[in-house]
Amino acid sequence: MHLILFCLFAALAVFFITRLAVGGIDRIEAEGKIHDAVEKKKSKSFITPAVLGLAGKTGFIFSKIKNKQFVSAMKKLESNFKSAGGIYEKFNPYQFLSLCIFSMFAGMAFCAAFISSAVIALLLAAILFFYLPIIKLKEAVKKRKELIFKQLPDTADLLSITLEAGSDFFKAAERVSDILKGPLSDDFKSALAKISLGYDKKTALAEISSKTNLEQLSFFVRTINMALDSGAGMSDTLKRLALQLRNERASAAEKKAQEAPVKILIPLVLLIFPTMFIVIFGPIAINLMRTGGF
C-alpha cells in the first residue's frame, strides 16, 4: 500500500516540480525577461525567478570545484543544453545542478510529509527527484533530434526546388527557413544571421551540426559545404540527399514498428497480467480463505 501511494504521489510530484523548475521559464520568456538567474529582473511570476536566483547563487559555489571528473560532467551537461536548444541554452550547468539538488530536497520533504519518513523511502525519493530535471533534459534532447531528423528531407527538397528557381544557396536557405517551422529552421536562421555579420560561411553551417550532434545532420552539412567548395550542381546533390534521408527515415520508422511488440511486453507483464489474475483468481482466493479449503 505504501508503495502504491509512493508511486502515485511521485507521479504527481513529477508533473508539478518539472513544471515549476523548467516549464515556468517559458512564462519569463513570454514576459520579455532574461532567463539567466544571475541577472535580477522583475517578473509577474514570483516563485520561478526566486528559485532560479537561488540556483544561480548556489551554482556559483559549485563552479569553484575543480575536480576533473566533475568539470567533465558539467561540460557534458552544457553540450546537452546546446543539443536541447530553446530555454535550456539559457542555463549554465552549475545552475542546473542546483535545481537538481533543490528538487531532491523538495522530494524528500514531500515524501516525509505525505508518504513515509523511513530512511529507504527518503533515499528513493531523493534519487528520483534529483534525476527528474535530468530526465526532462534528456527527453528534450531526444525530441529535438527527432524533429530535426524528420525535417531534414523536406528541407533538402525545398532547397533543391528554390535553387532550381535561380536563387543562390543562402537566399534559398533563408526562404526555406521562413516556410518550414522547427528547430532546424531556427538553427539555419541563426547561422544566416552570423553570416550576414561577416562570420565564415562554412564554420556557421558546421556549428549547426556540432550543436545538435546528429549523424544525419552532420552528413547534410558536410554535403552542402563540399558542394559550395566544388561548385557542383547543388540542386541535384540535394535531391539525391533528400532521397537518401527519406529512406533512412522510413527505415527508422520500420525499426520502431518492429520494436513496439517487444516494448509493450513490459507494461503487459507488469501491469495488465497481474490485474487480470487478481480479477480472475481474487474471488476464488477469498472463498478459499473463508471456507478454509475447497
Protein backbone atom coordinates (compact mmCIF):
# COMPACT_ATOMS: atom_id res chain seq x y z
CA MET A 1 0.00 0.00 0.00
CA HIS A 2 2.81 2.38 0.86
CA LEU A 3 4.47 1.57 -2.47
CA ILE A 4 1.28 2.38 -4.41
CA LEU A 5 0.87 5.69 -2.58
CA PHE A 6 4.52 6.50 -3.13
CA CYS A 7 4.21 5.88 -6.91
CA LEU A 8 1.03 7.96 -7.09
CA PHE A 9 2.44 10.95 -5.24
CA ALA A 10 5.74 10.67 -7.13
CA ALA A 11 3.87 10.87 -10.43
CA LEU A 12 2.03 13.99 -9.26
CA ALA A 13 5.26 15.50 -8.00
CA VAL A 14 6.95 14.84 -11.35
CA PHE A 15 4.34 16.99 -13.04
CA PHE A 16 4.35 19.89 -10.61
CA ILE A 17 8.10 20.12 -9.94
CA THR A 18 9.20 19.88 -13.57
CA ARG A 19 6.54 22.42 -14.49
CA LEU A 20 7.81 24.74 -11.77
CA ALA A 21 11.54 24.33 -12.33
CA VAL A 22 11.62 24.17 -16.13
CA GLY A 23 8.25 24.86 -17.67
CA GLY A 24 7.78 28.09 -15.76
CA ILE A 25 10.76 29.59 -17.54
CA ASP A 26 8.62 29.85 -20.68
CA ARG A 27 6.47 32.39 -18.87
CA ILE A 28 9.51 34.52 -18.09
CA GLU A 29 10.46 34.45 -21.77
CA ALA A 30 6.92 35.42 -22.77
CA GLU A 31 7.18 38.41 -20.46
CA GLY A 32 10.36 39.50 -22.24
CA LYS A 33 12.63 38.77 -19.30
CA ILE A 34 16.11 37.26 -19.24
CA HIS A 35 16.39 33.61 -18.24
CA ASP A 36 19.74 33.89 -16.53
CA ALA A 37 19.14 33.79 -12.81
CA VAL A 38 22.26 35.78 -12.04
CA GLU A 39 20.71 38.90 -13.56
CA LYS A 40 17.90 40.16 -11.33
CA LYS A 41 14.87 41.17 -13.35
CA LYS A 42 11.32 41.82 -12.23
CA SER A 43 8.68 39.39 -13.42
CA LYS A 44 5.00 38.76 -12.85
CA SER A 45 5.94 35.29 -11.64
CA PHE A 46 7.44 35.19 -8.15
CA ILE A 47 8.36 31.56 -7.38
CA THR A 48 10.27 30.73 -10.57
CA PRO A 49 12.61 33.79 -10.52
CA ALA A 50 13.24 33.22 -6.80
CA VAL A 51 14.15 29.57 -7.35
CA LEU A 52 16.32 30.39 -10.36
CA GLY A 53 18.02 33.22 -8.49
CA LEU A 54 18.89 30.96 -5.59
CA ALA A 55 20.06 28.29 -8.04
CA GLY A 56 22.32 30.82 -9.71
CA LYS A 57 23.95 31.76 -6.39
CA THR A 58 24.38 28.12 -5.39
CA GLY A 59 25.71 27.29 -8.84
CA PHE A 60 28.38 29.95 -8.42
CA ILE A 61 29.66 27.98 -5.42
CA PHE A 62 29.70 24.75 -7.44
CA SER A 63 31.66 26.48 -10.20
CA LYS A 64 34.62 26.73 -7.80
CA ILE A 65 35.01 22.94 -7.75
CA LYS A 66 38.00 21.97 -9.94
CA ASN A 67 37.71 18.19 -9.83
CA LYS A 68 38.38 16.83 -13.35
CA GLN A 69 35.51 14.36 -13.35
CA PHE A 70 33.10 16.99 -12.04
CA VAL A 71 34.22 19.56 -14.63
CA SER A 72 33.91 16.93 -17.37
CA ALA A 73 30.36 16.11 -16.25
CA MET A 74 29.48 19.81 -16.31
CA LYS A 75 30.85 20.18 -19.85
CA LYS A 76 28.78 17.20 -20.96
CA LEU A 77 25.73 18.77 -19.36
CA GLU A 78 26.45 22.04 -21.17
CA SER A 79 26.63 20.21 -24.53
CA ASN A 80 23.24 18.67 -23.74
CA PHE A 81 21.86 22.18 -23.22
CA LYS A 82 23.02 23.14 -26.70
CA SER A 83 21.52 19.98 -28.16
CA ALA A 84 18.20 20.60 -26.42
CA GLY A 85 18.06 24.21 -27.61
CA GLY A 86 15.29 26.59 -26.57
CA ILE A 87 15.15 27.62 -22.94
CA TYR A 88 17.87 25.16 -21.98
CA GLU A 89 20.51 27.23 -23.78
CA LYS A 90 19.94 29.93 -21.17
CA PHE A 91 21.03 27.64 -18.35
CA ASN A 92 24.56 27.11 -17.15
CA PRO A 93 25.38 23.59 -15.88
CA TYR A 94 26.09 24.68 -12.31
CA GLN A 95 22.74 26.43 -12.07
CA PHE A 96 21.02 23.31 -13.41
CA LEU A 97 22.84 21.15 -10.86
CA SER A 98 21.49 23.40 -8.13
CA LEU A 99 17.97 22.87 -9.47
CA CYS A 100 18.51 19.11 -9.29
CA ILE A 101 19.56 19.42 -5.64
CA PHE A 102 16.57 21.65 -4.85
CA SER A 103 14.31 19.09 -6.50
CA MET A 104 15.92 16.34 -4.39
CA PHE A 105 15.28 18.14 -1.08
CA ALA A 106 11.73 19.02 -2.17
CA GLY A 107 11.07 15.36 -2.96
CA MET A 108 12.44 14.24 0.41
CA ALA A 109 10.27 16.79 2.22
CA PHE A 110 7.22 15.70 0.24
CA CYS A 111 7.90 12.04 0.99
CA ALA A 112 8.42 12.69 4.71
CA ALA A 113 5.23 14.76 4.95
CA PHE A 114 2.79 12.67 2.94
CA ILE A 115 4.20 9.16 2.39
CA SER A 116 6.78 7.88 4.86
CA SER A 117 9.75 9.12 6.86
CA ALA A 118 11.57 5.79 6.62
CA VAL A 119 15.19 6.02 5.51
CA ILE A 120 14.66 3.82 2.44
CA ALA A 121 11.64 5.87 1.28
CA LEU A 122 13.55 9.13 1.74
CA LEU A 123 16.53 7.73 -0.16
CA LEU A 124 14.34 6.58 -3.05
CA ALA A 125 12.61 9.96 -3.13
CA ALA A 126 15.97 11.77 -3.14
CA ILE A 127 17.28 9.72 -6.08
CA LEU A 128 14.04 10.04 -8.03
CA PHE A 129 13.62 13.78 -7.62
CA PHE A 130 17.31 14.53 -8.21
CA TYR A 131 17.13 12.90 -11.64
CA LEU A 132 13.79 14.42 -12.66
CA PRO A 133 15.28 17.58 -14.28
CA ILE A 134 18.00 15.47 -15.94
CA ILE A 135 15.36 13.12 -17.38
CA LYS A 136 13.44 16.16 -18.64
CA LEU A 137 16.61 17.47 -20.28
CA LYS A 138 17.34 14.14 -21.99
CA GLU A 139 13.77 13.98 -23.27
CA ALA A 140 14.14 17.49 -24.73
CA VAL A 141 17.40 16.50 -26.48
CA LYS A 142 15.82 13.34 -27.90
CA LYS A 143 12.70 15.18 -29.06
CA ARG A 144 14.72 17.91 -30.78
CA LYS A 145 16.88 15.35 -32.62
CA GLU A 146 13.78 13.52 -33.80
CA LEU A 147 12.20 16.74 -35.07
CA ILE A 148 15.36 17.68 -36.98
CA PHE A 149 15.65 14.16 -38.41
CA LYS A 150 12.05 14.36 -39.66
CA GLN A 151 12.56 17.85 -41.12
CA LEU A 152 15.81 17.14 -42.99
CA PRO A 153 14.33 15.52 -46.18
CA ASP A 154 11.74 18.29 -46.62
CA THR A 155 14.41 20.94 -46.10
CA ALA A 156 16.66 19.33 -48.72
CA ASP A 157 13.76 19.12 -51.20
CA LEU A 158 12.72 22.73 -50.74
CA LEU A 159 16.32 23.92 -51.00
CA SER A 160 16.67 21.99 -54.28
CA ILE A 161 13.48 23.48 -55.71
CA THR A 162 14.45 27.02 -54.67
CA LEU A 163 17.91 26.61 -56.18
CA GLU A 164 16.38 25.44 -59.46
CA ALA A 165 14.30 28.63 -59.46
CA GLY A 166 17.51 30.66 -59.67
CA SER A 167 18.34 31.59 -56.08
CA ASP A 168 21.75 31.13 -54.54
CA PHE A 169 22.07 28.76 -51.61
CA PHE A 170 21.90 31.27 -48.76
CA LYS A 171 18.88 33.07 -50.22
CA ALA A 172 17.26 29.68 -50.69
CA ALA A 173 18.07 28.71 -47.10
CA GLU A 174 16.50 31.95 -45.87
CA ARG A 175 13.28 31.29 -47.78
CA VAL A 176 13.08 27.67 -46.67
CA SER A 177 13.63 28.71 -43.05
CA ASP A 178 10.64 31.05 -43.34
CA ILE A 179 8.46 28.31 -44.87
CA LEU A 180 9.33 25.42 -42.55
CA LYS A 181 8.93 25.82 -38.81
CA GLY A 182 11.03 23.81 -36.40
CA PRO A 183 14.41 23.56 -34.66
CA LEU A 184 16.32 23.04 -37.93
CA SER A 185 14.84 26.23 -39.41
CA ASP A 186 15.76 28.11 -36.24
CA ASP A 187 19.36 26.86 -36.49
CA PHE A 188 19.57 27.92 -40.13
CA LYS A 189 18.24 31.37 -39.26
CA SER A 190 20.86 31.69 -36.54
CA ALA A 191 23.62 30.62 -38.96
CA LEU A 192 22.40 33.03 -41.65
CA ALA A 193 22.36 35.87 -39.12
CA LYS A 194 26.00 35.12 -38.24
CA ILE A 195 26.95 35.01 -41.93
CA SER A 196 25.31 38.38 -42.54
CA LEU A 197 27.56 39.81 -39.81
CA GLY A 198 30.69 38.51 -41.55
CA TYR A 199 31.01 35.09 -39.93
CA ASP A 200 32.69 32.38 -42.02
CA LYS A 201 30.03 30.53 -44.03
CA LYS A 202 31.39 27.02 -43.65
CA THR A 203 32.02 27.49 -39.94
CA ALA A 204 28.50 28.83 -39.37
CA LEU A 205 27.00 25.82 -41.14
CA ALA A 206 29.29 23.40 -39.31
CA GLU A 207 28.15 24.82 -35.97
CA ILE A 208 24.61 23.70 -36.77
CA SER A 209 25.67 20.06 -36.85
CA SER A 210 28.06 20.31 -33.88
CA LYS A 211 25.31 21.85 -31.77
CA THR A 212 22.81 19.03 -32.32
CA ASN A 213 25.28 16.15 -32.64
CA LEU A 214 23.06 14.24 -35.08
CA GLU A 215 24.77 12.00 -37.64
CA GLN A 216 22.30 12.71 -40.46
CA LEU A 217 22.53 16.46 -39.90
CA SER A 218 26.34 16.30 -39.90
CA PHE A 219 26.24 14.46 -43.24
CA PHE A 220 23.77 17.04 -44.59
CA VAL A 221 26.02 19.96 -43.62
CA ARG A 222 29.18 18.26 -44.92
CA THR A 223 27.47 17.66 -48.26
CA ILE A 224 26.47 21.32 -48.53
CA ASN A 225 29.96 22.53 -47.64
CA MET A 226 31.55 20.18 -50.19
CA ALA A 227 29.12 21.39 -52.87
CA LEU A 228 29.92 25.01 -52.01
CA ASP A 229 33.64 24.31 -52.31
CA SER A 230 33.49 22.33 -55.54
CA GLY A 231 30.88 24.48 -57.26
CA ALA A 232 29.00 21.33 -58.33
CA GLY A 233 25.30 21.34 -59.12
CA MET A 234 23.90 21.69 -55.64
CA SER A 235 20.30 21.18 -56.71
CA ASP A 236 20.93 17.63 -57.95
CA THR A 237 23.08 16.89 -54.91
CA LEU A 238 20.29 17.97 -52.57
CA LYS A 239 17.74 15.87 -54.46
CA ARG A 240 19.83 12.74 -54.01
CA LEU A 241 20.46 13.67 -50.41
CA ALA A 242 16.72 14.14 -49.77
CA LEU A 243 16.02 10.70 -51.25
CA GLN A 244 18.67 9.10 -49.02
CA LEU A 245 17.38 10.86 -45.92
CA ARG A 246 13.81 9.76 -46.68
CA ASN A 247 14.97 6.18 -47.00
CA GLU A 248 16.73 6.46 -43.62
CA ARG A 249 13.61 7.97 -42.08
CA ALA A 250 11.49 5.12 -43.46
CA SER A 251 13.98 2.57 -42.11
CA ALA A 252 13.88 4.22 -38.69
CA ALA A 253 10.07 4.10 -38.71
CA GLU A 254 10.12 0.40 -39.63
CA LYS A 255 12.60 -0.29 -36.84
CA LYS A 256 10.35 1.41 -34.29
CA ALA A 257 7.36 -0.55 -35.56
CA GLN A 258 9.28 -3.80 -35.11
CA GLU A 259 10.35 -2.81 -31.58
CA ALA A 260 6.82 -1.91 -30.48
CA PRO A 261 5.64 -5.51 -29.72
CA VAL A 262 8.74 -6.08 -27.57
CA LYS A 263 8.31 -2.83 -25.65
CA ILE A 264 4.64 -3.44 -24.98
CA LEU A 265 5.53 -6.66 -23.16
CA ILE A 266 6.86 -4.70 -20.18
CA PRO A 267 3.58 -2.95 -19.22
CA LEU A 268 1.70 -6.08 -20.27
CA VAL A 269 3.59 -8.32 -17.87
CA LEU A 270 3.93 -5.83 -15.02
CA LEU A 271 0.51 -4.18 -15.11
CA ILE A 272 -2.11 -5.95 -17.21
CA PHE A 273 -1.41 -9.60 -16.36
CA PRO A 274 -1.35 -9.05 -12.56
CA THR A 275 -4.65 -7.17 -12.79
CA MET A 276 -6.22 -9.99 -14.79
CA PHE A 277 -5.01 -12.55 -12.27
CA ILE A 278 -6.44 -10.52 -9.39
CA VAL A 279 -9.82 -10.17 -11.12
CA ILE A 280 -9.98 -13.87 -12.07
CA PHE A 281 -8.45 -15.57 -9.04
CA GLY A 282 -9.23 -12.95 -6.38
CA PRO A 283 -12.80 -14.13 -5.67
CA ILE A 284 -11.60 -17.76 -5.64
CA ALA A 285 -8.89 -16.93 -3.11
CA ILE A 286 -11.38 -15.05 -0.91
CA ASN A 287 -13.77 -18.00 -0.93
CA LEU A 288 -10.96 -20.38 -0.05
CA MET A 289 -9.91 -18.16 2.84
CA ARG A 290 -13.49 -18.00 4.15
CA THR A 291 -14.26 -21.71 3.82
CA GLY A 292 -10.81 -22.91 4.76
CA GLY A 293 -10.46 -25.20 1.73
CA PHE A 294 -12.09 -26.44 -1.43
